[in-house]
C-alpha atoms as a PDB file:
ATOM      1  CA  UNK A   1      77.798 -15.848 -23.023  1.00  0.00           C
ATOM      2  CA  UNK A   2      75.917 -18.376 -20.895  1.00  0.00           C
ATOM      3  CA  UNK A   3      76.525 -19.594 -17.910  1.00  0.00           C
ATOM      4  CA  UNK A   4      73.955 -22.367 -15.564  1.00  0.00           C
ATOM      5  CA  UNK A   5      74.043 -23.637 -12.066  1.00  0.00           C
ATOM      6  CA  UNK A   6      71.663 -27.054 -11.539  1.00  0.00           C
ATOM      7  CA  UNK A   7      70.274 -25.067  -8.156  1.00  0.00           C
ATOM      8  CA  UNK A   8      66.722 -24.393  -8.583  1.00  0.00           C
ATOM      9  CA  UNK A   9      64.756 -21.353  -8.070  1.00  0.00           C
ATOM     10  CA  UNK A  10      65.967 -17.988  -6.700  1.00  0.00           C
ATOM     11  CA  UNK A  11      69.815 -20.025  -6.191  1.00  0.00           C
ATOM     12  CA  UNK A  12      69.973 -20.960 -10.069  1.00  0.00           C
ATOM     13  CA  UNK A  13      68.838 -17.797 -11.458  1.00  0.00           C
ATOM     14  CA  UNK A  14      72.033 -16.713 -13.291  1.00  0.00           C
ATOM     15  CA  UNK A  15      72.695 -12.313 -14.191  1.00  0.00           C
ATOM     16  CA  UNK A  16      75.522 -10.662 -16.095  1.00  0.00           C
ATOM     17  CA  UNK A  17      77.197  -7.849 -15.749  1.00  0.00           C
ATOM     18  CA  UNK A  18      80.783  -6.453 -16.948  1.00  0.00           C
ATOM     19  CA  UNK A  19      83.600  -6.431 -14.508  1.00  0.00           C
ATOM     20  CA  UNK A  20      86.284  -4.838 -16.243  1.00  0.00           C
ATOM     21  CA  UNK A  21      85.614  -3.110 -19.451  1.00  0.00           C
ATOM     22  CA  UNK A  22      87.226   0.229 -21.043  1.00  0.00           C
ATOM     23  CA  UNK A  23      85.768   3.504 -21.016  1.00  0.00           C
ATOM     24  CA  UNK A  24      85.601   2.990 -24.576  1.00  0.00           C
ATOM     25  CA  UNK A  25      84.197  -0.484 -24.745  1.00  0.00           C
ATOM     26  CA  UNK A  26      81.465   0.686 -22.429  1.00  0.00           C
ATOM     27  CA  UNK A  27      80.128   2.783 -25.202  1.00  0.00           C
ATOM     28  CA  UNK A  28      80.309   0.313 -27.693  1.00  0.00           C
ATOM     29  CA  UNK A  29      79.061  -3.489 -26.798  1.00  0.00           C
ATOM     30  CA  UNK A  30      76.142  -3.646 -24.171  1.00  0.00           C
ATOM     31  CA  UNK A  31      75.483  -6.424 -21.735  1.00  0.00           C
ATOM     32  CA  UNK A  32      71.586  -7.889 -21.118  1.00  0.00           C
ATOM     33  CA  UNK A  33      72.171  -8.570 -17.458  1.00  0.00           C
ATOM     34  CA  UNK A  34      69.846 -11.492 -17.823  1.00  0.00           C
ATOM     35  CA  UNK A  35      70.245 -13.335 -21.385  1.00  0.00           C
ATOM     36  CA  UNK A  36      74.202 -12.747 -21.394  1.00  0.00           C
ATOM     37  CA  UNK A  37      73.955 -11.297 -24.962  1.00  0.00           C
ATOM     38  CA  UNK A  38      76.479  -8.612 -26.132  1.00  0.00           C
ATOM     39  CA  UNK A  39      75.379  -6.285 -28.670  1.00  0.00           C
ATOM     40  CA  UNK A  40      76.299  -3.347 -30.478  1.00  0.00           C
ATOM     41  CA  UNK A  41      75.459   0.087 -29.486  1.00  0.00           C
ATOM     42  CA  UNK A  42      77.252   1.566 -32.488  1.00  0.00           C
ATOM     43  CA  UNK A  43      78.735   0.703 -35.960  1.00  0.00           C
ATOM     44  CA  UNK A  44      82.666  -0.669 -34.864  1.00  0.00           C
ATOM     45  CA  UNK A  45      85.206   1.054 -36.550  1.00  0.00           C
ATOM     46  CA  UNK A  46      88.821  -0.868 -37.081  1.00  0.00           C
ATOM     47  CA  UNK A  47      90.399   2.759 -37.196  1.00  0.00           C
ATOM     48  CA  UNK A  48      89.465   3.571 -33.880  1.00  0.00           C
ATOM     49  CA  UNK A  49      90.167   0.020 -32.384  1.00  0.00           C
ATOM     50  CA  UNK A  50      91.208  -3.388 -33.885  1.00  0.00           C
ATOM     51  CA  UNK A  51      90.355  -5.473 -30.569  1.00  0.00           C
ATOM     52  CA  UNK A  52      88.624  -5.166 -27.520  1.00  0.00           C
ATOM     53  CA  UNK A  53      88.210  -7.083 -24.327  1.00  0.00           C
ATOM     54  CA  UNK A  54      85.734  -7.349 -21.673  1.00  0.00           C
ATOM     55  CA  UNK A  55      85.379  -9.266 -18.318  1.00  0.00           C
ATOM     56  CA  UNK A  56      81.931 -10.715 -17.691  1.00  0.00           C
ATOM     57  CA  UNK A  57      81.209 -11.713 -14.329  1.00  0.00           C
ATOM     58  CA  UNK A  58      77.559 -14.039 -14.130  1.00  0.00           C
ATOM     59  CA  UNK A  59      76.196 -14.772 -10.546  1.00  0.00           C
ATOM     60  CA  UNK A  60      73.811 -17.051  -9.435  1.00  0.00           C
ATOM     61  CA  UNK A  61      71.193 -15.682  -6.302  1.00  0.00           C
ATOM     62  CA  UNK A  62      73.316 -17.401  -3.817  1.00  0.00           C
ATOM     63  CA  UNK A  63      76.071 -14.919  -4.148  1.00  0.00           C
ATOM     64  CA  UNK A  64      78.373 -17.492  -6.416  1.00  0.00           C
ATOM     65  CA  UNK A  65      80.323 -16.428  -9.270  1.00  0.00           C
ATOM     66  CA  UNK A  66      82.775 -16.336 -12.264  1.00  0.00           C
ATOM     67  CA  UNK A  67      84.219 -14.545 -14.451  1.00  0.00           C
ATOM     68  CA  UNK A  68      84.964 -14.734 -18.484  1.00  0.00           C
ATOM     69  CA  UNK A  69      87.039 -12.795 -21.224  1.00  0.00           C
ATOM     70  CA  UNK A  70      85.647 -11.847 -24.175  1.00  0.00           C
ATOM     71  CA  UNK A  71      87.946 -10.784 -26.870  1.00  0.00           C
END
């Protein structure tokens, strides 16, 4: 995921976090707080789950934030 902020310095620095995620999804997916890259911690198994939903939050250095659902 990617978010941008036009502010300079600390106020323009965006960090990412998972806002809402199931226990199962949290053991499968990892979100890099600096880059926003979502990676797998283990292989996906269609028999265990056919879809996942993550809510990712982007927050700037000034405390403003927004979120998006990733399915």
